[in-house]
Amino acid sequence: MEHIAKLAGANMDIDLATPAGDIAWRQDTCPWNAAEGGRAHRCAVKNVSICPYFCGVAYLDTVLCCYPHGNPHRRGDE
């Protein structure tokens, strides 16, 4: 899987409403947020959306992210 980063801490925002810095485990920064200097993007928000760069979750709470490259898992109709 070329161009897929492994981000620790699952920046998914699914049933986790903890402000940044208030968690006891490592949580990598979303590369899209880092590029824009903000905090608006989440990998997935329950019943709302999935980031176009979200490529899945690997054990143990590791998000697979292809930002800024195209997602090899998305179909053309999405």
Protein backbone atom coordinates (compact mmCIF):
# COMPACT_ATOMS: atom_id res chain seq x y z
CA MET A 1 0.00 0.00 0.00
CA GLU A 2 1.94 2.92 -1.33
CA HIS A 3 1.47 6.37 0.28
CA ILE A 4 -0.47 5.12 3.30
CA ALA A 5 0.59 6.49 6.68
CA LYS A 6 -0.08 4.71 9.96
CA LEU A 7 -1.36 7.20 12.56
CA ALA A 8 -1.38 6.13 16.21
CA GLY A 9 -4.27 6.91 18.50
CA ALA A 10 -7.14 6.59 16.05
CA ASN A 11 -8.05 10.21 15.29
CA MET A 12 -11.57 8.99 14.50
CA ASP A 13 -13.78 10.95 16.89
CA ILE A 14 -16.08 7.94 17.31
CA ASP A 15 -17.47 8.01 20.86
CA LEU A 16 -14.38 9.89 22.05
CA ALA A 17 -15.02 13.48 23.07
CA THR A 18 -11.73 14.16 24.83
CA PRO A 19 -10.02 17.52 24.27
CA ALA A 20 -6.51 17.34 22.79
CA GLY A 21 -3.88 16.80 25.44
CA ASP A 22 -6.26 15.14 27.91
CA ILE A 23 -5.60 11.54 26.88
CA ALA A 24 -3.12 9.08 28.35
CA TRP A 25 -2.02 7.54 25.06
CA ARG A 26 -0.16 8.80 22.01
CA GLN A 27 -2.38 10.33 19.32
CA ASP A 28 -0.78 11.39 16.06
CA THR A 29 -1.84 14.61 14.36
CA CYS A 30 -4.09 14.41 11.32
CA PRO A 31 -1.83 15.36 8.37
CA TRP A 32 -4.69 17.25 6.68
CA ASN A 33 -5.24 19.34 9.83
CA ALA A 34 -1.48 19.92 10.09
CA ALA A 35 -1.33 21.13 6.46
CA GLU A 36 -4.21 23.56 7.03
CA GLY A 37 -3.22 24.58 10.56
CA GLY A 38 -6.60 23.61 12.01
CA ARG A 39 -8.51 20.83 13.79
CA ALA A 40 -11.65 20.47 11.64
CA HIS A 41 -10.89 17.10 10.03
CA ARG A 42 -11.64 13.71 11.60
CA CYS A 43 -11.12 10.28 10.06
CA ALA A 44 -14.68 9.20 10.78
CA VAL A 45 -17.57 10.67 12.70
CA LYS A 46 -20.25 8.19 13.76
CA ASN A 47 -23.36 8.42 11.54
CA VAL A 48 -21.99 11.52 9.78
CA SER A 49 -18.99 11.03 7.50
CA ILE A 50 -15.78 9.28 6.62
CA CYS A 51 -12.75 11.30 5.50
CA PRO A 52 -11.88 10.81 1.81
CA TYR A 53 -8.30 9.93 2.88
CA PHE A 54 -9.37 7.31 5.48
CA CYS A 55 -8.11 3.90 4.37
CA GLY A 56 -9.11 1.82 7.39
CA VAL A 57 -8.00 0.86 10.87
CA ALA A 58 -5.19 -1.53 11.77
CA TYR A 59 -4.51 -3.15 15.11
CA LEU A 60 -4.17 -1.45 17.70
CA ASP A 61 -6.12 1.77 17.06
CA THR A 62 -3.93 2.72 14.13
CA VAL A 63 -5.59 4.77 11.38
CA LEU A 64 -4.47 4.17 7.82
CA CYS A 65 -4.37 7.52 6.02
CA CYS A 66 -3.39 8.34 2.42
CA TYR A 67 -3.42 12.18 2.71
CA PRO A 68 -2.61 14.00 0.40
CA HIS A 69 -2.75 11.19 -2.17
CA GLY A 70 -5.84 9.64 -3.72
CA ASN A 71 -7.49 6.88 -1.72
CA PRO A 72 -6.88 3.53 -3.43
CA HIS A 73 -9.92 2.04 -1.64
CA ARG A 74 -12.58 4.51 -2.83
CA ARG A 75 -14.84 3.73 -5.74
CA GLY A 76 -15.28 6.31 -8.49
CA ASP A 77 -18.93 7.00 -7.54
CA GLU A 78 -18.12 8.26 -4.02
